[in-house]
Each structure stands twice: as structure tokens, then as C-alpha cells.
PDB file of N, CA and C in Angstrom:
ATOM      1  N   MET A   1      99.585 103.477 111.205  1.00  0.00           N
ATOM      2  CA  MET A   1     100.761 103.468 110.353  1.00  0.00           C
ATOM      3  C   MET A   1     101.765 103.636 111.153  1.00  0.00           C
ATOM      4  N   ARG A   2     102.980 103.122 111.223  1.00  0.00           N
ATOM      5  CA  ARG A   2     104.168 103.535 111.870  1.00  0.00           C
ATOM      6  C   ARG A   2     104.809 104.520 111.304  1.00  0.00           C
ATOM      7  N   SER A   3     105.332 105.783 112.550  1.00  0.00           N
ATOM      8  CA  SER A   3     106.284 106.906 111.832  1.00  0.00           C
ATOM      9  C   SER A   3     107.330 106.370 110.785  1.00  0.00           C
ATOM     10  N   PHE A   4     107.642 107.226 109.775  1.00  0.00           N
ATOM     11  CA  PHE A   4     108.881 106.976 109.122  1.00  0.00           C
ATOM     12  C   PHE A   4     109.706 106.512 109.977  1.00  0.00           C
ATOM     13  N   TYR A   5     110.536 107.587 111.205  1.00  0.00           N
ATOM     14  CA  TYR A   5     111.265 107.122 111.721  1.00  0.00           C
ATOM     15  C   TYR A   5     111.497 105.732 112.372  1.00  0.00           C
ATOM     16  N   HIS A   6     110.141 104.743 112.787  1.00  0.00           N
ATOM     17  CA  HIS A   6     110.226 103.788 113.067  1.00  0.00           C
ATOM     18  C   HIS A   6     110.288 102.936 112.189  1.00  0.00           C
ATOM     19  N   TYR A   7     110.001 103.436 110.707  1.00  0.00           N
ATOM     20  CA  TYR A   7     110.363 102.742 109.744  1.00  0.00           C
ATOM     21  C   TYR A   7     111.960 102.485 109.438  1.00  0.00           C
ATOM     22  N   MET A   8     112.380 103.582 109.865  1.00  0.00           N
ATOM     23  CA  MET A   8     114.084 103.482 109.081  1.00  0.00           C
ATOM     24  C   MET A   8     114.928 103.322 110.411  1.00  0.00           C
ATOM     25  N   MET A   9     114.127 102.685 111.435  1.00  0.00           N
ATOM     26  CA  MET A   9     115.166 102.317 111.985  1.00  0.00           C
ATOM     27  C   MET A   9     115.432 100.925 112.091  1.00  0.00           C
ATOM     28  N   ARG A  10     114.958 100.065 111.048  1.00  0.00           N
ATOM     29  CA  ARG A  10     115.569  98.770 110.720  1.00  0.00           C
ATOM     30  C   ARG A  10     117.130  98.797 110.169  1.00  0.00           C
ATOM     31  N   TYR A  11     117.117  99.944 109.644  1.00  0.00           N
ATOM     32  CA  TYR A  11     118.434 100.240 108.471  1.00  0.00           C
ATOM     33  C   TYR A  11     119.827 100.612 109.866  1.00  0.00           C
ATOM     34  N   ARG A  12     119.250 100.693 111.294  1.00  0.00           N
ATOM     35  CA  ARG A  12     120.454 101.112 111.746  1.00  0.00           C
ATOM     36  C   ARG A  12     121.358 100.058 112.262  1.00  0.00           C
ATOM     37  N   GLY A  13     122.453 100.219 112.895  1.00  0.00           N
ATOM     38  CA  GLY A  13     123.496  98.933 113.355  1.00  0.00           C
ATOM     39  C   GLY A  13     124.529  99.062 112.850  1.00  0.00           C
ATOM     40  N   SER A  14     125.115  97.621 112.768  1.00  0.00           N
ATOM     41  CA  SER A  14     126.512  97.531 112.557  1.00  0.00           C
ATOM     42  C   SER A  14     126.061  96.807 111.082  1.00  0.00           C
ATOM     43  N   GLY A  15     127.250  96.841 110.479  1.00  0.00           N
ATOM     44  CA  GLY A  15     127.242  96.231 109.152  1.00  0.00           C
ATOM     45  C   GLY A  15     127.947  97.198 107.997  1.00  0.00           C
ATOM     46  N   PRO A  16     127.805  97.354 106.700  1.00  0.00           N
ATOM     47  CA  PRO A  16     128.253  98.318 106.054  1.00  0.00           C
ATOM     48  C   PRO A  16     127.417  99.725 106.004  1.00  0.00           C
ATOM     49  N   LYS A  17     128.325 100.244 105.735  1.00  0.00           N
ATOM     50  CA  LYS A  17     127.855 101.922 106.157  1.00  0.00           C
ATOM     51  C   LYS A  17     127.010 102.036 104.876  1.00  0.00           C
ATOM     52  N   THR A  18     125.874 101.830 104.489  1.00  0.00           N
ATOM     53  CA  THR A  18     125.253 102.521 103.493  1.00  0.00           C
ATOM     54  C   THR A  18     124.760 103.960 103.825  1.00  0.00           C
ATOM     55  N   ASP A  19     123.804 104.543 102.590  1.00  0.00           N
ATOM     56  CA  ASP A  19     123.513 105.750 102.432  1.00  0.00           C
ATOM     57  C   ASP A  19     122.257 105.602 103.535  1.00  0.00           C
ATOM     58  N   GLU A  20     121.617 104.494 103.352  1.00  0.00           N
ATOM     59  CA  GLU A  20     120.295 104.337 104.124  1.00  0.00           C
ATOM     60  C   GLU A  20     120.620 103.936 105.836  1.00  0.00           C
ATOM     61  N   ARG A  21     121.646 103.548 106.167  1.00  0.00           N
ATOM     62  CA  ARG A  21     122.170 103.443 107.587  1.00  0.00           C
ATOM     63  C   ARG A  21     122.778 104.906 108.413  1.00  0.00           C
ATOM     64  N   ARG A  22     123.558 105.331 107.496  1.00  0.00           N
ATOM     65  CA  ARG A  22     123.759 106.793 107.710  1.00  0.00           C
ATOM     66  C   ARG A  22     122.690 107.392 107.766  1.00  0.00           C
ATOM     67  N   LEU A  23     121.698 107.894 107.002  1.00  0.00           N
ATOM     68  CA  LEU A  23     120.356 108.103 107.449  1.00  0.00           C
ATOM     69  C   LEU A  23     119.624 108.124 108.823  1.00  0.00           C
ATOM     70  N   ALA A  24     119.610 107.056 108.827  1.00  0.00           N
ATOM     71  CA  ALA A  24     118.830 106.237 110.054  1.00  0.00           C
ATOM     72  C   ALA A  24     119.825 106.699 111.159  1.00  0.00           C
ATOM     73  N   ASP A  25     120.890 106.609 111.420  1.00  0.00           N
ATOM     74  CA  ASP A  25     121.927 106.489 112.616  1.00  0.00           C
ATOM     75  C   ASP A  25     121.895 108.631 112.637  1.00  0.00           C
ATOM     76  N   TRP A  26     121.895 108.948 111.132  1.00  0.00           N
ATOM     77  CA  TRP A  26     121.351 110.306 111.872  1.00  0.00           C
ATOM     78  C   TRP A  26     120.459 111.096 112.362  1.00  0.00           C
ATOM     79  N   MET A  27     118.728 110.088 111.940  1.00  0.00           N
ATOM     80  CA  MET A  27     117.776 110.430 112.274  1.00  0.00           C
ATOM     81  C   MET A  27     117.682 110.119 113.535  1.00  0.00           C
ATOM     82  N   PHE A  28     118.241 108.950 114.037  1.00  0.00           N
ATOM     83  CA  PHE A  28     118.332 108.446 115.720  1.00  0.00           C
ATOM     84  C   PHE A  28     119.229 109.663 116.472  1.00  0.00           C
ATOM     85  N   GLU A  29     120.226 110.244 115.877  1.00  0.00           N
ATOM     86  CA  GLU A  29     120.955 110.795 116.995  1.00  0.00           C
ATOM     87  C   GLU A  29     120.314 112.650 116.962  1.00  0.00           C
ATOM     88  N   ALA A  30     119.550 112.609 116.099  1.00  0.00           N
ATOM     89  CA  ALA A  30     118.561 114.286 115.792  1.00  0.00           C
ATOM     90  C   ALA A  30     117.671 114.065 116.657  1.00  0.00           C
ATOM     91  N   HIS A  31     117.822 115.005 118.281  1.00  0.00           N
ATOM     92  CA  HIS A  31     116.807 114.966 118.668  1.00  0.00           C
ATOM     93  C   HIS A  31     115.736 115.531 118.612  1.00  0.00           C
ATOM     94  N   ASP A  32     115.893 116.514 117.130  1.00  0.00           N
ATOM     95  CA  ASP A  32     114.410 117.241 117.272  1.00  0.00           C
ATOM     96  C   ASP A  32     113.999 116.552 115.753  1.00  0.00           C
ATOM     97  N   PHE A  33     114.400 115.594 115.523  1.00  0.00           N
ATOM     98  CA  PHE A  33     113.674 115.201 114.573  1.00  0.00           C
ATOM     99  C   PHE A  33     112.261 115.060 114.337  1.00  0.00           C
ATOM    100  N   PRO A  34     111.646 115.344 113.524  1.00  0.00           N
ATOM    101  CA  PRO A  34     109.968 114.925 113.870  1.00  0.00           C
ATOM    102  C   PRO A  34     109.743 113.197 113.923  1.00  0.00           C
ATOM    103  N   LYS A  35     109.913 112.472 114.859  1.00  0.00           N
ATOM    104  CA  LYS A  35     110.106 110.839 115.183  1.00  0.00           C
ATOM    105  C   LYS A  35     108.648 110.730 115.155  1.00  0.00           C
ATOM    106  N   GLN A  36     107.523 111.390 114.998  1.00  0.00           N
ATOM    107  CA  GLN A  36     106.114 110.618 115.169  1.00  0.00           C
ATOM    108  C   GLN A  36     105.461 110.730 113.948  1.00  0.00           C
ATOM    109  N   SER A  37     106.168 111.405 112.846  1.00  0.00           N
ATOM    110  CA  SER A  37     105.648 112.130 111.420  1.00  0.00           C
ATOM    111  C   SER A  37     104.902 110.766 110.703  1.00  0.00           C
ATOM    112  N   THR A  38     104.301 110.846 109.839  1.00  0.00           N
ATOM    113  CA  THR A  38     104.036 109.951 109.081  1.00  0.00           C
ATOM    114  C   THR A  38     103.644 111.304 107.968  1.00  0.00           C
ATOM    115  N   SER A  39     104.018 112.477 108.036  1.00  0.00           N
ATOM    116  CA  SER A  39     103.825 113.220 107.043  1.00  0.00           C
ATOM    117  C   SER A  39     105.321 113.620 105.736  1.00  0.00           C
ATOM    118  N   TYR A  40     104.835 113.265 104.429  1.00  0.00           N
ATOM    119  CA  TYR A  40     106.363 113.297 103.869  1.00  0.00           C
ATOM    120  C   TYR A  40     106.726 114.917 103.564  1.00  0.00           C
ATOM    121  N   ASP A  41     105.680 115.792 103.662  1.00  0.00           N
ATOM    122  CA  ASP A  41     106.197 117.341 103.751  1.00  0.00           C
ATOM    123  C   ASP A  41     106.788 117.814 105.043  1.00  0.00           C
ATOM    124  N   GLU A  42     106.272 117.205 106.092  1.00  0.00           N
ATOM    125  CA  GLU A  42     107.219 117.412 107.406  1.00  0.00           C
ATOM    126  C   GLU A  42     108.808 116.845 107.685  1.00  0.00           C
ATOM    127  N   VAL A  43     109.014 115.657 107.150  1.00  0.00           N
ATOM    128  CA  VAL A  43     110.147 114.982 107.358  1.00  0.00           C
ATOM    129  C   VAL A  43     111.108 115.707 105.992  1.00  0.00           C
ATOM    130  N   SER A  44     110.113 115.926 104.845  1.00  0.00           N
ATOM    131  CA  SER A  44     111.281 116.482 103.730  1.00  0.00           C
ATOM    132  C   SER A  44     111.690 118.061 104.159  1.00  0.00           C
ATOM    133  N   ARG A  45     110.843 118.791 104.815  1.00  0.00           N
ATOM    134  CA  ARG A  45     111.092 119.758 105.150  1.00  0.00           C
ATOM    135  C   ARG A  45     112.304 120.099 106.174  1.00  0.00           C
ATOM    136  N   TYR A  46     112.530 118.905 107.345  1.00  0.00           N
ATOM    137  CA  TYR A  46     113.523 119.210 108.289  1.00  0.00           C
ATOM    138  C   TYR A  46     114.738 118.371 107.551  1.00  0.00           C
ATOM    139  N   LEU A  47     114.503 117.850 106.723  1.00  0.00           N
ATOM    140  CA  LEU A  47     115.694 117.100 106.173  1.00  0.00           C
ATOM    141  C   LEU A  47     116.511 118.290 105.605  1.00  0.00           C
ATOM    142  N   GLU A  48     115.727 119.291 104.580  1.00  0.00           N
ATOM    143  CA  GLU A  48     116.253 120.595 103.237  1.00  0.00           C
ATOM    144  C   GLU A  48     116.718 121.230 104.593  1.00  0.00           C
ATOM    145  N   TRP A  49     116.666 121.414 106.026  1.00  0.00           N
ATOM    146  CA  TRP A  49     117.084 122.457 106.888  1.00  0.00           C
ATOM    147  C   TRP A  49     118.358 122.038 107.272  1.00  0.00           C
ATOM    148  N   ASN A  50     118.440 120.407 107.450  1.00  0.00           N
ATOM    149  CA  ASN A  50     119.083 120.049 108.414  1.00  0.00           C
ATOM    150  C   ASN A  50     119.861 118.711 107.577  1.00  0.00           C
ATOM    151  N   ILE A  51     120.415 118.844 106.599  1.00  0.00           N
ATOM    152  CA  ILE A  51     120.812 117.810 105.886  1.00  0.00           C
ATOM    153  C   ILE A  51     121.888 117.431 106.278  1.00  0.00           C
ATOM    154  N   PRO A  52     122.135 116.180 106.627  1.00  0.00           N
ATOM    155  CA  PRO A  52     123.131 115.664 107.146  1.00  0.00           C
ATOM    156  C   PRO A  52     124.233 115.526 106.344  1.00  0.00           C
ATOM    157  N   PHE A  53     124.060 114.854 105.003  1.00  0.00           N
ATOM    158  CA  PHE A  53     124.958 114.639 104.074  1.00  0.00           C
ATOM    159  C   PHE A  53     124.160 114.703 102.465  1.00  0.00           C
ATOM    160  N   THR A  54     125.178 115.301 101.465  1.00  0.00           N
ATOM    161  CA  THR A  54     124.791 115.595 100.159  1.00  0.00           C
ATOM    162  C   THR A  54     123.491 114.896  99.404  1.00  0.00           C
ATOM    163  N   GLU A  55     123.514 113.557  99.746  1.00  0.00           N
ATOM    164  CA  GLU A  55     122.633 112.572  98.907  1.00  0.00           C
ATOM    165  C   GLU A  55     121.555 112.091  99.878  1.00  0.00           C
ATOM    166  N   ALA A  56     121.588 112.924 101.110  1.00  0.00           N
ATOM    167  CA  ALA A  56     120.472 112.521 102.025  1.00  0.00           C
ATOM    168  C   ALA A  56     118.968 112.557 101.416  1.00  0.00           C
ATOM    169  N   THR A  57     118.999 113.607 100.815  1.00  0.00           N
ATOM    170  CA  THR A  57     117.458 114.100 100.199  1.00  0.00           C
ATOM    171  C   THR A  57     116.712 112.901  99.250  1.00  0.00           C
ATOM    172  N   GLN A  58     117.912 112.709  98.575  1.00  0.00           N
ATOM    173  CA  GLN A  58     117.601 111.293  97.591  1.00  0.00           C
ATOM    174  C   GLN A  58     117.351 110.035  97.915  1.00  0.00           C
ATOM    175  N   VAL A  59     117.767 109.830  98.962  1.00  0.00           N
ATOM    176  CA  VAL A  59     118.265 108.710  99.572  1.00  0.00           C
ATOM    177  C   VAL A  59     116.465 108.628 100.633  1.00  0.00           C
ATOM    178  N   PHE A  60     116.116 109.715 101.166  1.00  0.00           N
ATOM    179  CA  PHE A  60     115.191 109.741 101.813  1.00  0.00           C
ATOM    180  C   PHE A  60     113.506 109.737 100.656  1.00  0.00           C
ATOM    181  N   ASP A  61     113.977 110.239  99.345  1.00  0.00           N
ATOM    182  CA  ASP A  61     112.863 109.809  98.393  1.00  0.00           C
ATOM    183  C   ASP A  61     112.503 108.791  98.424  1.00  0.00           C
ATOM    184  N   ARG A  62     113.754 107.922  97.930  1.00  0.00           N
ATOM    185  CA  ARG A  62     113.663 106.343  97.398  1.00  0.00           C
ATOM    186  C   ARG A  62     113.011 105.378  98.711  1.00  0.00           C
ATOM    187  N   LEU A  63     113.635 106.142 100.335  1.00  0.00           N
ATOM    188  CA  LEU A  63     112.732 105.021 101.247  1.00  0.00           C
ATOM    189  C   LEU A  63     111.524 105.422 101.566  1.00  0.00           C
ATOM    190  N   TRP A  64     111.220 106.947 101.233  1.00  0.00           N
ATOM    191  CA  TRP A  64     109.357 106.993 101.419  1.00  0.00           C
ATOM    192  C   TRP A  64     108.753 106.480 100.124  1.00  0.00           C
ATOM    193  N   GLU A  65     108.895 105.904  99.227  1.00  0.00           N
ATOM    194  CA  GLU A  65     108.147 104.984  98.823  1.00  0.00           C
ATOM    195  C   GLU A  65     108.235 103.894  99.196  1.00  0.00           C
ATOM    196  N   ASP A  66     109.050 103.140  99.344  1.00  0.00           N
ATOM    197  CA  ASP A  66     109.085 101.834 100.058  1.00  0.00           C
ATOM    198  C   ASP A  66     108.280 102.107 101.395  1.00  0.00           C
ATOM    199  N   TYR A  67     108.760 103.184 101.927  1.00  0.00           N
ATOM    200  CA  TYR A  67     107.741 103.129 103.212  1.00  0.00           C
ATOM    201  C   TYR A  67     106.104 103.102 102.790  1.00  0.00           C
ATOM    202  N   LEU A  68     105.797 103.979 101.610  1.00  0.00           N
ATOM    203  CA  LEU A  68     104.556 103.985 101.521  1.00  0.00           C
ATOM    204  C   LEU A  68     103.984 102.819 101.194  1.00  0.00           C
ATOM    205  N   MET A  69     105.111 101.956 100.419  1.00  0.00           N
ATOM    206  CA  MET A  69     104.496 100.759  99.643  1.00  0.00           C
ATOM    207  C   MET A  69     104.206  99.735 101.234  1.00  0.00           C
ATOM    208  N   ASN A  70     105.234  99.677 102.037  1.00  0.00           N
ATOM    209  CA  ASN A  70     105.343  98.397 103.208  1.00  0.00           C
ATOM    210  C   ASN A  70     104.535  99.361 104.299  1.00  0.00           C
ATOM    211  N   GLU A  71     104.183 100.298 104.479  1.00  0.00           N
ATOM    212  CA  GLU A  71     103.566 100.482 105.794  1.00  0.00           C
ATOM    213  C   GLU A  71     102.169 101.293 105.356  1.00  0.00           C
ATOM    214  N   GLY A  72     101.905 102.001 104.316  1.00  0.00           N
ATOM    215  CA  GLY A  72     100.722 102.364 104.096  1.00  0.00           C
ATOM    216  C   GLY A  72      99.611 101.121 103.595  1.00  0.00           C
TER     217      GLY A  72
END
């Protein structure tokens, strides 16, 4: 299973500034983000302590479900 970080990199790049893209871009720039993690708890805790924007945790929860369906 690929890490959640690697899954999220599909949302980076040009185009509309969606919440998914905002989160992916932030994850890319966050040097201490747990980039190898496949653990919901580890990524969720990191986001709760370092929240990049107000809706980030809701976006994460939605994308985590998609991640499990496509990567699990």
C-alpha cells in the first residue's frame, strides 16, 4: 500500500485551487509531515497539531476514505 502522502500527490499541480490541492501542496511543503505513513491516527494527529487551513481535517477525512478504497 502506498502512503497517504503519495496518494495525495495526485492533487498537486496547476489548475483550480481546490481544498484537495491546498492540502496536497501543504503536505508537500511540510518537511516533517509523516510522508511514509499509512496510519490514519498518525496523519490525523499531525494535521490536528499543524492544521494548514480551517477545513483541512474535513478534507482529510473525506480523502482518507477514498485512499482506503483505492489503495487498500
